[in-house]
Protein backbone atom coordinates (compact mmCIF):
# COMPACT_ATOMS: atom_id res chain seq x y z
CA MET A 1 -0.20 0.09 0.23
CA ASN A 2 1.92 3.24 -0.97
CA LEU A 3 0.27 5.65 2.03
CA LYS A 4 1.35 8.91 0.07
CA ASN A 5 -0.46 8.16 -3.08
CA ASP A 6 -3.10 6.62 -1.60
CA THR A 7 -4.41 9.09 1.35
CA PRO A 8 -7.12 11.25 0.40
CA ALA A 9 -6.44 14.62 -0.62
CA GLY A 10 -8.07 17.80 0.53
CA ILE A 11 -9.04 15.81 3.95
CA PRO A 12 -8.36 17.75 7.24
CA ALA A 13 -4.51 17.56 8.51
CA LEU A 14 -5.64 15.79 11.58
CA VAL A 15 -7.72 13.25 9.97
CA ARG A 16 -4.92 12.35 7.40
CA VAL A 17 -2.53 11.99 10.31
CA VAL A 18 -5.00 9.16 11.95
CA TRP A 19 -5.43 7.72 8.54
CA VAL A 20 -2.18 6.97 8.11
CA LEU A 21 -1.52 5.27 11.66
CA TRP A 22 -4.65 3.32 11.05
CA ALA A 23 -3.31 2.09 8.12
CA LEU A 24 -0.07 0.96 9.14
CA VAL A 25 -1.57 -1.08 11.74
CA ILE A 26 -3.38 -2.67 9.91
CA SER A 27 -2.31 -3.08 5.88
CA GLY A 28 -0.82 -6.42 6.36
CA ASP A 29 -4.19 -7.88 7.49
CA ALA A 30 -5.75 -6.16 4.59
CA VAL A 31 -3.64 -7.64 1.66
CA ARG A 32 -4.33 -10.93 3.12
CA ALA A 33 -8.12 -10.55 3.48
CA GLU A 34 -8.94 -8.46 0.54
CA ALA A 35 -10.81 -11.34 -1.47
CA SER A 36 -12.83 -12.46 1.26
CA ARG A 37 -14.63 -8.87 2.11
CA PRO A 38 -17.88 -8.25 0.96
CA ASN A 39 -18.61 -5.54 -2.04
CA VAL A 40 -20.86 -2.92 -0.37
CA LEU A 41 -23.40 -1.41 -2.69
CA ILE A 42 -25.91 1.43 -1.09
CA PHE A 43 -28.63 2.87 -3.04
CA LEU A 44 -30.21 5.78 -0.86
CA ALA A 45 -33.70 7.07 -2.20
CA ASP A 46 -34.64 10.85 -1.11
CA ASP A 47 -38.34 11.55 0.44
CA LEU A 48 -39.41 7.93 -0.22
CA GLY A 49 -42.13 6.65 2.66
CA TYR A 50 -42.08 3.83 4.69
CA SER A 51 -45.22 1.73 2.34
CA ASP A 52 -43.91 3.03 -0.96
CA LEU A 53 -42.27 -0.12 -1.96
CA GLY A 54 -44.13 -3.20 -3.06
CA CYS A 55 -42.36 -5.55 -0.46
CA TYR A 56 -43.19 -3.00 2.51
CA GLY A 57 -47.16 -2.65 1.38
CA SER A 58 -47.16 -0.32 -1.79
CA GLU A 59 -49.23 -1.03 -4.92
CA ILE A 60 -46.14 0.42 -6.77
CA GLU A 61 -44.53 -1.78 -8.98
CA THR A 62 -40.92 -2.39 -7.53
CA PRO A 63 -40.20 -5.96 -8.80
CA HIS A 64 -36.08 -5.66 -8.44
CA LEU A 65 -36.32 -4.32 -4.53
CA ASP A 66 -38.91 -7.28 -3.79
CA ALA A 67 -36.70 -9.57 -5.14
CA LEU A 68 -33.77 -7.99 -2.86
CA ALA A 69 -36.27 -8.54 -0.06
CA GLN A 70 -37.01 -11.81 -1.19
CA GLY A 71 -33.62 -13.07 -1.62
CA GLY A 72 -32.41 -11.19 1.96
CA LEU A 73 -34.20 -9.53 4.66
CA ARG A 74 -36.36 -6.33 5.63
CA MET A 75 -35.84 -4.40 8.72
CA SER A 76 -39.20 -3.27 10.21
CA GLN A 77 -37.87 -0.73 12.59
CA PHE A 78 -34.80 1.25 11.30
CA SER A 79 -34.82 4.88 11.38
CA ASN A 80 -33.30 7.85 10.10
CA THR A 81 -33.02 11.78 10.73
CA ALA A 82 -36.27 12.74 9.03
CA ARG A 83 -34.28 15.16 6.92
CA CYS A 84 -32.04 14.54 3.59
CA TRP A 85 -28.98 16.27 5.02
CA PRO A 86 -28.39 15.25 8.24
CA SER A 87 -29.17 11.59 7.48
CA ARG A 88 -26.54 11.76 4.52
CA GLY A 89 -23.94 13.03 7.35
CA THR A 90 -25.35 10.39 9.47
CA LEU A 91 -24.89 7.41 6.87
CA LEU A 92 -21.24 8.04 6.00
CA THR A 93 -19.73 8.81 9.38
CA GLY A 94 -21.46 6.64 12.00
CA TYR A 95 -22.09 10.01 14.09
CA TYR A 96 -25.60 11.57 14.60
CA ALA A 97 -25.84 14.79 12.64
CA GLN A 98 -25.51 17.39 15.87
CA GLN A 99 -22.47 15.49 17.05
CA ILE A 100 -20.83 16.21 13.51
CA ARG A 101 -22.18 19.79 12.92
CA ARG A 102 -24.54 18.63 10.09
CA ASP A 103 -27.45 19.36 11.98
CA SER A 104 -28.45 22.39 13.98
CA LEU A 105 -29.16 22.36 17.91
CA ARG A 106 -28.82 25.12 20.79
CA GLY A 107 -25.69 25.13 21.85
CA ILE A 108 -23.98 24.30 18.16
CA LYS A 109 -22.40 26.91 16.21
CA LYS A 110 -22.33 26.76 12.65
CA GLY A 111 -24.66 23.51 12.35
CA GLY A 112 -26.54 22.80 9.83
CA SER A 113 -26.92 21.94 6.00
CA GLN A 114 -23.97 24.38 5.50
CA GLY A 115 -22.20 23.17 8.59
CA THR A 116 -18.83 21.82 8.47
CA ARG A 117 -17.48 18.25 9.81
CA PRO A 118 -14.87 18.23 12.52
CA ALA A 119 -11.67 16.92 11.67
CA TRP A 120 -12.16 13.73 13.34
CA ALA A 121 -14.91 12.92 11.52
CA PRO A 122 -14.34 11.21 8.02
CA LEU A 123 -16.66 9.86 5.54
CA LEU A 124 -16.73 6.08 5.05
CA PRO A 125 -14.29 5.77 2.21
CA VAL A 126 -11.46 7.14 4.45
CA ALA A 127 -12.06 4.73 6.15
CA LEU A 128 -12.51 1.64 3.89
CA ARG A 129 -9.14 2.60 1.85
CA PRO A 130 -7.06 0.70 4.76
CA TYR A 131 -8.98 -2.50 3.83
CA GLY A 132 -8.09 -2.14 0.22
CA TYR A 133 -11.67 -0.84 -0.88
CA ARG A 134 -12.39 1.68 -3.89
CA SER A 135 -15.34 3.83 -3.14
CA TYR A 136 -17.72 5.28 -6.09
CA HIS A 137 -20.68 8.21 -5.43
CA SER A 138 -23.36 8.95 -8.28
CA GLY A 139 -26.33 11.28 -7.27
CA LYS A 140 -27.14 13.35 -4.77
CA TRP A 141 -24.49 14.81 -2.49
CA HIS A 142 -25.75 17.17 0.61
CA ILE A 143 -22.54 17.01 2.45
CA ASP A 144 -19.78 19.21 3.40
CA GLY A 145 -16.90 19.17 0.68
CA GLN A 146 -16.40 17.63 -2.49
CA PRO A 147 -16.65 13.65 -2.87
CA LEU A 148 -13.03 13.19 -4.05
CA GLN A 149 -11.45 14.80 -1.42
CA MET A 150 -13.43 12.72 1.13
CA GLY A 151 -12.00 9.74 -0.10
CA PHE A 152 -14.26 8.63 -3.38
CA HIS A 153 -12.49 7.46 -5.95
CA GLY A 154 -15.11 8.47 -8.49
CA SER A 155 -18.16 10.46 -8.49
CA TYR A 156 -20.87 12.00 -10.08
CA LEU A 157 -22.50 14.73 -8.07
CA LEU A 158 -25.58 16.00 -9.35
CA GLN A 159 -26.80 19.35 -7.32
CA ASP A 160 -29.73 20.42 -9.49
CA CYS A 161 -32.07 18.23 -7.56
CA GLY A 162 -34.81 20.01 -8.62
CA ARG A 163 -34.43 19.30 -12.57
CA ASN A 164 -34.28 16.07 -12.98
CA PHE A 165 -34.97 16.39 -17.03
CA HIS A 166 -31.97 19.56 -17.39
CA PRO A 167 -29.58 19.80 -14.51
CA LYS A 168 -27.60 23.22 -14.60
CA VAL A 169 -24.91 21.91 -11.79
CA SER A 170 -23.39 18.72 -11.56
CA PHE A 171 -19.94 17.80 -11.24
CA LEU A 172 -17.63 14.30 -12.93
CA ASN A 173 -14.76 13.84 -10.47
CA ASP A 174 -15.06 16.98 -8.96
CA GLN A 175 -14.94 18.88 -12.38
CA LYS A 176 -18.17 21.02 -13.23
CA LEU A 177 -20.08 20.07 -16.00
CA PRO A 178 -22.18 22.14 -18.80
CA PRO A 179 -25.36 22.57 -18.15
CA VAL A 180 -27.88 19.97 -19.65
CA PRO A 181 -30.19 21.56 -22.13
CA PRO A 182 -34.09 20.79 -22.48
CA GLY A 183 -35.18 17.77 -24.68
CA THR A 184 -31.66 15.72 -24.53
CA GLY A 185 -33.97 12.47 -23.14
CA TYR A 186 -31.71 13.09 -19.78
CA TYR A 187 -33.25 12.03 -16.68
CA SER A 188 -31.89 12.25 -13.24
CA THR A 189 -32.54 8.60 -11.87
CA THR A 190 -31.20 7.19 -15.28
CA ALA A 191 -28.04 9.15 -15.65
CA ILE A 192 -27.11 8.18 -11.49
CA ALA A 193 -27.55 4.55 -12.79
CA ASP A 194 -25.75 4.88 -15.96
CA TYR A 195 -22.70 6.76 -13.83
CA ALA A 196 -22.85 4.16 -11.12
CA ILE A 197 -22.76 1.35 -13.34
CA ASP A 198 -20.12 2.54 -15.32
CA GLN A 199 -17.90 3.27 -12.21
CA LEU A 200 -18.66 -0.27 -11.66
CA LYS A 201 -17.42 -1.29 -14.97
CA GLN A 202 -14.07 0.59 -14.89
CA HIS A 203 -13.45 -1.05 -11.36
CA ALA A 204 -13.93 -4.63 -12.76
CA ASN A 205 -11.42 -3.49 -15.62
CA ASP A 206 -8.87 -1.75 -13.75
CA HIS A 207 -9.43 -3.18 -10.12
CA ALA A 208 -11.20 -6.31 -9.85
CA ASP A 209 -8.78 -7.64 -7.05
CA GLN A 210 -10.30 -5.07 -4.46
CA PRO A 211 -13.83 -4.83 -3.47
CA PHE A 212 -15.57 -1.65 -3.66
CA PHE A 213 -18.25 0.49 -2.16
CA SER A 214 -20.61 2.13 -4.04
CA TYR A 215 -22.99 4.68 -2.84
CA VAL A 216 -25.75 5.60 -5.17
CA ALA A 217 -28.03 8.27 -3.92
CA PHE A 218 -30.99 9.07 -6.21
CA VAL A 219 -32.68 12.04 -5.76
CA VAL A 220 -36.47 10.82 -6.60
CA PRO A 221 -39.02 10.82 -5.36
CA HIS A 222 -38.21 14.26 -3.66
CA PHE A 223 -40.29 17.26 -4.86
CA PRO A 224 -40.87 18.25 -8.16
CA LEU A 225 -42.93 15.30 -9.14
CA GLN A 226 -41.59 14.71 -12.65
CA ALA A 227 -40.94 11.78 -14.36
CA PRO A 228 -40.93 10.27 -17.76
CA ALA A 229 -44.16 10.12 -19.80
CA GLN A 230 -44.47 6.82 -20.47
CA ASP A 231 -43.81 5.71 -16.91
CA ILE A 232 -46.58 8.00 -15.75
CA ALA A 233 -49.05 6.66 -18.50
CA LYS A 234 -48.52 3.34 -16.56
CA TYR A 235 -50.04 4.42 -13.27
CA LYS A 236 -52.75 6.23 -15.10
CA GLY A 237 -56.17 5.95 -13.09
CA ARG A 238 -54.75 3.59 -10.53
CA TYR A 239 -55.02 6.31 -7.53
CA ASP A 240 -58.69 7.83 -9.04
CA ALA A 241 -59.97 5.84 -5.51
CA GLY A 242 -58.14 8.02 -3.28
CA TRP A 243 -55.85 8.35 -0.50
CA ASP A 244 -58.40 7.01 1.95
CA VAL A 245 -58.84 4.06 -0.20
CA ILE A 246 -55.03 3.22 -1.12
CA GLN A 247 -53.86 3.98 2.60
CA ALA A 248 -56.51 0.92 3.59
CA LYS A 249 -54.96 -1.58 1.31
CA ARG A 250 -51.43 -0.72 1.84
CA TRP A 251 -52.04 -1.44 5.71
CA GLU A 252 -53.84 -4.63 4.82
CA LYS A 253 -51.24 -5.82 2.68
CA MET A 254 -48.79 -4.17 5.63
CA GLN A 255 -50.45 -6.64 8.03
CA ALA A 256 -50.34 -9.56 5.93
CA LEU A 257 -46.95 -9.38 5.43
CA GLY A 258 -45.94 -9.52 9.15
CA LEU A 259 -44.49 -6.11 9.14
CA ILE A 260 -46.26 -4.11 11.88
CA ARG A 261 -47.91 -4.42 14.96
CA GLY A 262 -51.02 -2.52 16.53
CA GLU A 263 -53.08 -0.15 14.79
CA ARG A 264 -52.25 2.31 11.99
CA SER A 265 -52.71 6.03 12.95
CA SER A 266 -55.84 8.11 12.37
CA ARG A 267 -55.42 10.95 9.93
CA GLU A 268 -54.29 14.10 11.09
CA PRO A 269 -56.92 16.97 9.12
CA ASP A 270 -54.95 19.99 10.82
CA ILE A 271 -51.31 18.75 10.19
CA GLY A 272 -50.63 20.22 6.32
CA PRO A 273 -46.92 21.50 5.06
CA PRO A 274 -44.25 22.24 7.68
CA TYR A 275 -43.48 25.05 5.67
CA ASP A 276 -46.14 28.06 4.34
CA PHE A 277 -45.89 29.33 1.12
CA PRO A 278 -49.49 29.99 0.23
CA LYS A 279 -48.19 31.94 -2.81
CA ASP A 280 -47.00 29.11 -4.40
CA ILE A 281 -49.22 26.36 -3.76
CA ALA A 282 -51.85 29.30 -5.58
CA LEU A 283 -50.06 28.63 -8.46
CA TYR A 284 -50.63 25.06 -8.35
CA GLY A 285 -54.74 26.03 -9.09
CA PRO A 286 -57.78 24.94 -7.88
CA GLY A 287 -57.03 21.49 -7.81
CA GLU A 288 -54.47 21.77 -4.97
CA VAL A 289 -55.24 21.17 -0.94
CA ASN A 290 -53.00 21.90 1.54
CA ARG A 291 -54.70 19.32 4.52
CA PRO A 292 -55.72 15.88 4.33
CA ILE A 293 -59.11 16.08 4.27
CA PRO A 294 -61.23 13.29 2.98
CA TRP A 295 -61.36 12.14 -0.12
CA ASN A 296 -65.02 12.34 -0.35
CA ASP A 297 -64.78 15.91 0.20
CA LEU A 298 -62.73 17.06 -2.48
CA ASN A 299 -64.51 17.96 -5.81
CA ALA A 300 -64.17 16.24 -8.89
CA ASP A 301 -61.21 18.61 -10.12
CA GLN A 302 -59.49 18.23 -6.90
CA ARG A 303 -60.01 14.57 -7.11
CA ALA A 304 -58.57 14.50 -10.31
CA PHE A 305 -55.72 16.73 -9.79
CA GLN A 306 -54.56 14.61 -6.49
CA ALA A 307 -54.52 11.65 -8.61
CA THR A 308 -52.67 12.39 -11.29
CA LYS A 309 -49.59 13.83 -8.59
CA MET A 310 -50.07 10.32 -7.09
CA GLU A 311 -49.58 8.56 -10.62
CA ILE A 312 -46.06 10.78 -10.96
CA HIS A 313 -44.98 9.81 -7.28
CA ALA A 314 -45.55 6.20 -8.61
CA ALA A 315 -43.84 6.83 -11.83
CA MET A 316 -40.90 8.04 -10.05
CA ILE A 317 -40.37 5.11 -7.84
CA ASP A 318 -41.08 2.27 -10.42
CA ARG A 319 -38.07 4.31 -12.48
CA MET A 320 -35.88 4.15 -9.74
CA ASP A 321 -36.34 0.45 -8.88
CA GLN A 322 -35.94 -0.14 -13.06
CA GLU A 323 -32.61 1.36 -12.46
CA ILE A 324 -31.77 -0.43 -9.81
CA GLY A 325 -32.11 -3.84 -11.36
CA ARG A 326 -29.72 -2.24 -14.27
CA VAL A 327 -27.22 -1.64 -11.33
CA LEU A 328 -27.67 -4.76 -10.04
CA ALA A 329 -27.72 -6.70 -13.48
CA GLN A 330 -23.77 -5.05 -13.90
CA VAL A 331 -22.94 -6.27 -10.37
CA HIS A 332 -24.03 -9.74 -11.88
CA ALA A 333 -21.92 -9.47 -14.95
CA MET A 334 -19.02 -8.63 -12.62
CA GLY A 335 -19.58 -12.07 -11.28
CA GLN A 336 -19.67 -10.27 -7.78
CA SER A 337 -23.71 -10.90 -6.61
CA ASP A 338 -23.04 -13.27 -4.17
CA ASN A 339 -20.30 -11.70 -2.47
CA THR A 340 -22.11 -7.94 -2.40
CA LEU A 341 -24.02 -6.36 0.40
CA VAL A 342 -26.95 -4.59 -0.96
CA MET A 343 -28.54 -1.98 0.98
CA PHE A 344 -31.66 0.09 0.15
CA LEU A 345 -33.36 2.89 2.19
CA SER A 346 -34.62 6.01 2.45
CA ASP A 347 -32.80 9.84 3.94
CA ASN A 348 -36.41 10.67 5.29
CA GLY A 349 -40.08 9.73 5.20
CA ALA A 350 -42.53 10.82 2.75
CA SER A 351 -42.69 14.76 2.38
CA ALA A 352 -46.09 17.02 2.86
CA GLU A 353 -43.91 20.15 1.73
CA MET A 354 -45.38 22.27 -0.88
CA MET A 355 -43.43 24.97 -2.95
CA VAL A 356 -42.33 26.00 -5.93
CA ARG A 357 -38.23 26.10 -6.58
CA ASP A 358 -35.82 25.93 -9.30
CA ASP A 359 -37.65 27.03 -12.80
CA GLY A 360 -40.88 27.39 -11.91
CA HIS A 361 -44.43 25.85 -12.34
CA ASP A 362 -46.12 26.27 -15.92
CA PRO A 363 -49.90 25.14 -14.75
CA ASP A 364 -50.01 24.49 -18.66
CA ALA A 365 -47.75 21.99 -18.90
CA PRO A 366 -48.18 18.56 -18.83
CA PRO A 367 -48.18 17.36 -15.16
CA GLY A 368 -44.68 15.23 -14.15
CA SER A 369 -42.76 17.61 -17.45
CA ALA A 370 -39.49 19.78 -16.61
CA ALA A 371 -41.84 22.52 -17.12
CA THR A 372 -43.91 21.76 -13.40
CA HIS A 373 -42.86 21.66 -10.10
CA LEU A 374 -45.88 19.91 -8.35
CA CYS A 375 -45.29 18.41 -4.77
CA LEU A 376 -47.09 14.95 -3.14
CA GLY A 377 -48.57 17.15 -0.39
CA PRO A 378 -49.99 15.94 2.97
CA GLY A 379 -52.65 13.97 1.82
CA TRP A 380 -50.55 11.50 -0.47
CA SER A 381 -47.63 11.90 2.31
CA ALA A 382 -49.83 10.41 4.95
CA VAL A 383 -50.55 7.23 2.45
CA ALA A 384 -46.53 6.85 1.77
CA ASN A 385 -46.03 6.88 5.47
CA THR A 386 -48.53 4.58 6.54
CA PRO A 387 -49.29 3.54 9.16
CA PHE A 388 -47.27 6.42 10.68
CA ARG A 389 -48.15 9.87 11.77
CA ARG A 390 -46.53 12.90 10.51
CA HIS A 391 -44.18 13.47 7.53
CA LYS A 392 -40.38 14.27 6.81
CA THR A 393 -38.98 16.79 9.58
CA TRP A 394 -40.93 15.55 12.14
CA VAL A 395 -39.55 12.85 14.27
CA HIS A 396 -42.67 10.82 14.95
CA GLU A 397 -42.50 7.53 13.11
CA GLY A 398 -43.90 9.01 9.93
CA GLY A 399 -40.89 11.32 9.35
CA THR A 400 -38.08 8.51 10.65
CA ALA A 401 -39.11 5.15 9.66
CA THR A 402 -37.25 4.05 6.92
CA PRO A 403 -37.45 0.59 4.57
CA LEU A 404 -34.29 -1.24 5.09
CA VAL A 405 -34.05 -4.08 2.57
CA VAL A 406 -30.95 -6.42 2.76
CA GLN A 407 -29.26 -8.75 0.91
CA TRP A 408 -25.61 -10.64 0.88
CA PRO A 409 -26.23 -13.97 -0.36
CA ARG A 410 -22.77 -15.14 0.87
CA GLY A 411 -23.07 -13.76 4.42
CA ILE A 412 -26.80 -13.95 4.84
CA ALA A 413 -28.71 -17.33 4.72
CA ALA A 414 -32.05 -16.04 5.28
CA ARG A 415 -34.32 -15.43 2.75
CA GLY A 416 -37.63 -13.09 2.69
CA GLU A 417 -37.30 -12.80 6.56
CA ILE A 418 -37.97 -9.47 8.55
CA ARG A 419 -36.21 -8.45 11.83
CA HIS A 420 -37.99 -6.16 14.07
CA GLN A 421 -34.82 -5.68 16.17
CA PRO A 422 -34.83 -1.17 16.33
CA GLY A 423 -31.87 0.21 14.40
CA HIS A 424 -30.92 3.83 13.01
CA LEU A 425 -28.59 4.89 10.26
CA VAL A 426 -25.55 5.29 13.03
CA ASP A 427 -25.27 1.61 12.62
CA VAL A 428 -24.30 0.91 9.35
CA TRP A 429 -20.68 2.53 9.73
CA PRO A 430 -20.24 -0.31 12.33
CA THR A 431 -21.82 -2.91 10.25
CA ILE A 432 -19.91 -2.22 7.12
CA LEU A 433 -16.60 -1.68 9.06
CA SER A 434 -16.93 -4.91 11.15
CA LEU A 435 -17.32 -6.47 7.75
CA ALA A 436 -14.13 -5.24 6.14
CA GLY A 437 -12.05 -6.62 9.06
CA ASP A 438 -12.50 -3.50 11.63
CA ARG A 439 -10.59 -4.18 14.99
CA ALA A 440 -11.55 -2.02 18.18
CA ASP A 441 -7.77 -1.56 19.03
CA THR A 442 -7.24 0.57 15.94
CA HIS A 443 -10.01 3.35 16.77
CA ASP A 444 -8.43 6.78 16.81
CA PRO A 445 -8.90 7.55 20.78
CA VAL A 446 -9.38 11.20 19.85
CA SER A 447 -12.55 10.96 18.33
CA PRO A 448 -15.82 10.42 20.35
CA ALA A 449 -17.39 6.98 20.50
CA ARG A 450 -19.92 6.16 17.63
CA PRO A 451 -23.24 5.48 18.93
CA GLY A 452 -23.98 2.64 16.28
CA LEU A 453 -24.28 -0.88 16.91
CA SER A 454 -22.88 -3.45 14.24
CA MET A 455 -26.07 -5.55 12.17
CA VAL A 456 -24.05 -8.57 11.19
CA ASP A 457 -25.24 -10.69 13.98
CA LEU A 458 -28.82 -9.29 13.52
CA PHE A 459 -28.22 -10.29 10.00
CA GLN A 460 -28.30 -14.15 11.09
CA LYS A 461 -30.93 -13.93 13.45
CA GLU A 462 -33.92 -12.00 14.88
CA ILE A 463 -32.07 -10.35 18.21
CA SER A 464 -34.38 -8.35 20.93
CA ALA A 465 -32.03 -6.34 22.94
CA PRO A 466 -33.07 -2.45 24.21
CA ARG A 467 -31.62 0.06 22.19
CA GLU A 468 -31.37 3.98 22.99
CA LEU A 469 -31.74 6.12 19.59
CA TRP A 470 -32.10 10.02 19.74
CA TRP A 471 -33.41 12.31 17.33
CA ALA A 472 -33.76 16.21 16.99
CA HIS A 473 -34.63 18.37 13.92
CA GLU A 474 -35.95 22.02 13.92
CA GLY A 475 -36.96 21.96 17.35
CA ASN A 476 -38.72 18.64 17.11
CA ARG A 477 -37.51 16.17 19.15
CA ALA A 478 -37.42 12.12 20.33
CA ILE A 479 -35.68 9.58 22.12
CA ARG A 480 -36.29 5.92 22.30
CA LEU A 481 -35.12 3.72 25.16
CA GLY A 482 -36.16 -0.12 24.76
CA ASP A 483 -39.91 -0.09 23.48
CA TRP A 484 -40.44 3.17 24.70
CA LYS A 485 -40.71 6.69 22.46
CA LEU A 486 -40.97 9.98 23.65
CA VAL A 487 -41.45 12.64 21.11
CA ALA A 488 -42.64 16.26 20.72
CA ALA A 489 -43.13 18.06 17.56
CA LYS A 490 -41.35 21.87 18.17
CA GLU A 491 -42.97 23.69 20.93
CA GLN A 492 -45.34 20.73 21.84
CA PRO A 493 -45.12 18.88 25.26
CA TRP A 494 -43.76 15.52 24.92
CA GLU A 495 -45.98 12.59 24.02
CA LEU A 496 -44.98 9.10 25.33
CA PHE A 497 -45.61 5.67 23.50
CA ASN A 498 -44.96 2.21 23.98
CA LEU A 499 -44.06 1.32 20.17
CA ARG A 500 -44.33 -2.58 20.95
CA ASN A 501 -47.60 -2.54 20.44
CA ASP A 502 -48.20 0.89 19.17
CA ARG A 503 -45.80 1.51 16.59
CA ALA A 504 -47.53 3.81 14.69
CA GLU A 505 -48.24 6.40 18.07
CA THR A 506 -52.05 6.41 18.48
CA SER A 507 -51.92 6.30 22.48
CA ASN A 508 -50.22 9.02 24.68
CA LEU A 509 -49.25 7.55 27.76
CA ALA A 510 -47.60 10.97 28.84
CA THR A 511 -50.02 11.31 31.70
CA HIS A 512 -50.64 7.93 32.49
CA ASP A 513 -46.55 7.71 33.47
CA PRO A 514 -45.26 11.25 34.34
CA GLN A 515 -42.27 9.91 35.73
CA ARG A 516 -41.03 7.70 32.42
CA VAL A 517 -41.67 10.82 31.07
CA ALA A 518 -39.62 13.23 33.18
CA ASP A 519 -36.54 10.50 33.12
CA MET A 520 -36.64 10.17 29.36
CA ALA A 521 -36.85 13.68 28.71
CA ALA A 522 -33.74 14.36 31.24
CA ARG A 523 -32.06 11.22 29.35
CA TRP A 524 -32.84 13.21 25.61
CA GLN A 525 -31.51 16.50 27.05
CA ALA A 526 -28.13 14.76 28.59
CA GLN A 527 -27.64 13.29 25.33
CA ALA A 528 -28.19 16.87 23.78
CA ASP A 529 -25.62 18.28 25.75
CA GLN A 530 -23.04 15.78 24.72
CA TYR A 531 -23.25 16.36 21.40
CA SER A 532 -23.01 19.87 21.89
CA LYS A 533 -19.73 19.16 23.29
CA ASP A 534 -18.63 16.73 20.81
CA ALA A 535 -19.45 19.57 18.05
CA ALA A 536 -17.37 21.96 19.98
CA SER A 537 -14.48 19.82 19.37
CA GLU A 538 -11.78 19.61 16.68
């Protein structure tokens, strides 16, 4: 191993020193064991709801992801951070986003979407390099720094996430690309898959003796709702029955699949978008509504408009599944299917946001085309998040619950099984590093301990062990201790739920158990204080 040449350029000096020391300790083992280490392929969706895949209860056609689930595992209680940039920071560092200044919290200076990580929080590719991995990124970024500077060997970065058909800002290996003009046939989901496939082909040609880490970050089904016309046409008429009927069918299917215990949440008719943009909503015309009112209370124009929006949302997910199939086909062509750990998950729950960005919205253009900027809205977002309450940005289950599909034929014997053990994005780092051969005695003693747990044992059998999980975003806050979850919306009192029998947070037990509320609230604050201290350290 050439430490001078292999050390990622542009990363903070302390991280470079730690990396070199780490590499010196384990480089001999890395050379001997590279052949047995699994490749890692992570697919990350943006604003996908918990029930938006066929294998999680949806009517949307996702055959490739369903096949992954049938050949591996589904996690029923896995969580993200409720927002895009905190989830990405957490996924790629193994820390809660507040610890690394990638989300805001009282006491954290310069924390949030523009926050810069401490030197002790490198991204996953830096940690994987000493084990012989080559790392590739394709798609959305939304992390501080540039991919090649952060340890990736190849990258296609799509910064214009609101322009699915003609992005103006994108980068190939950190070099800015010319804007894509309209009418070229470009579609972001296909392009992201194309670049991921090209990276894998190059890896097979030039580095076949090394394991790979491929991070494929789609921008769908994030707003604006845009999809190829042929994909939208496939779902024409499927949602005319309305969100009440579709949600009931999803819930019935989820119960048959054995995913969730308890009851589904009731619709919250007063909960609309998390941010108020009435002028933007007015641009959508008389068919738009910003509350999840009963479908039968909508007039004919509203029903038609709302059904069309869900057709586009479904088409975006359908297309993503198709492109995932192409990436998986490339892995198969390389002869690496059996020894590739594949993970699929979402950065947050489905979104109730309603706004107009980027190129604006033309109400006369075909819905779902490049000239339109439609948003899913709370009616359908509640369906996507079935059976949970709330949406993206909230830390109730609707904002934080993600499907997690895992397959690794050589390392996971289970086929089509469900694991109910709670987990969180913080668990991805220790899982991958443990499979790579990480040893506890090689960890940097300067860095705070990572809060996650490896899922390797969980891959083999169901585990029932108490977990402590923590959330905070924009004043929304929550903590889970074992089966108990304490959660509160911004400036609202704490609510208490026993998730063992009430995963959908339907029965608030706060007034019945005030001591538990007080104890858990104190624990949440203690963690918040510690993470603020972590964020202040360099």
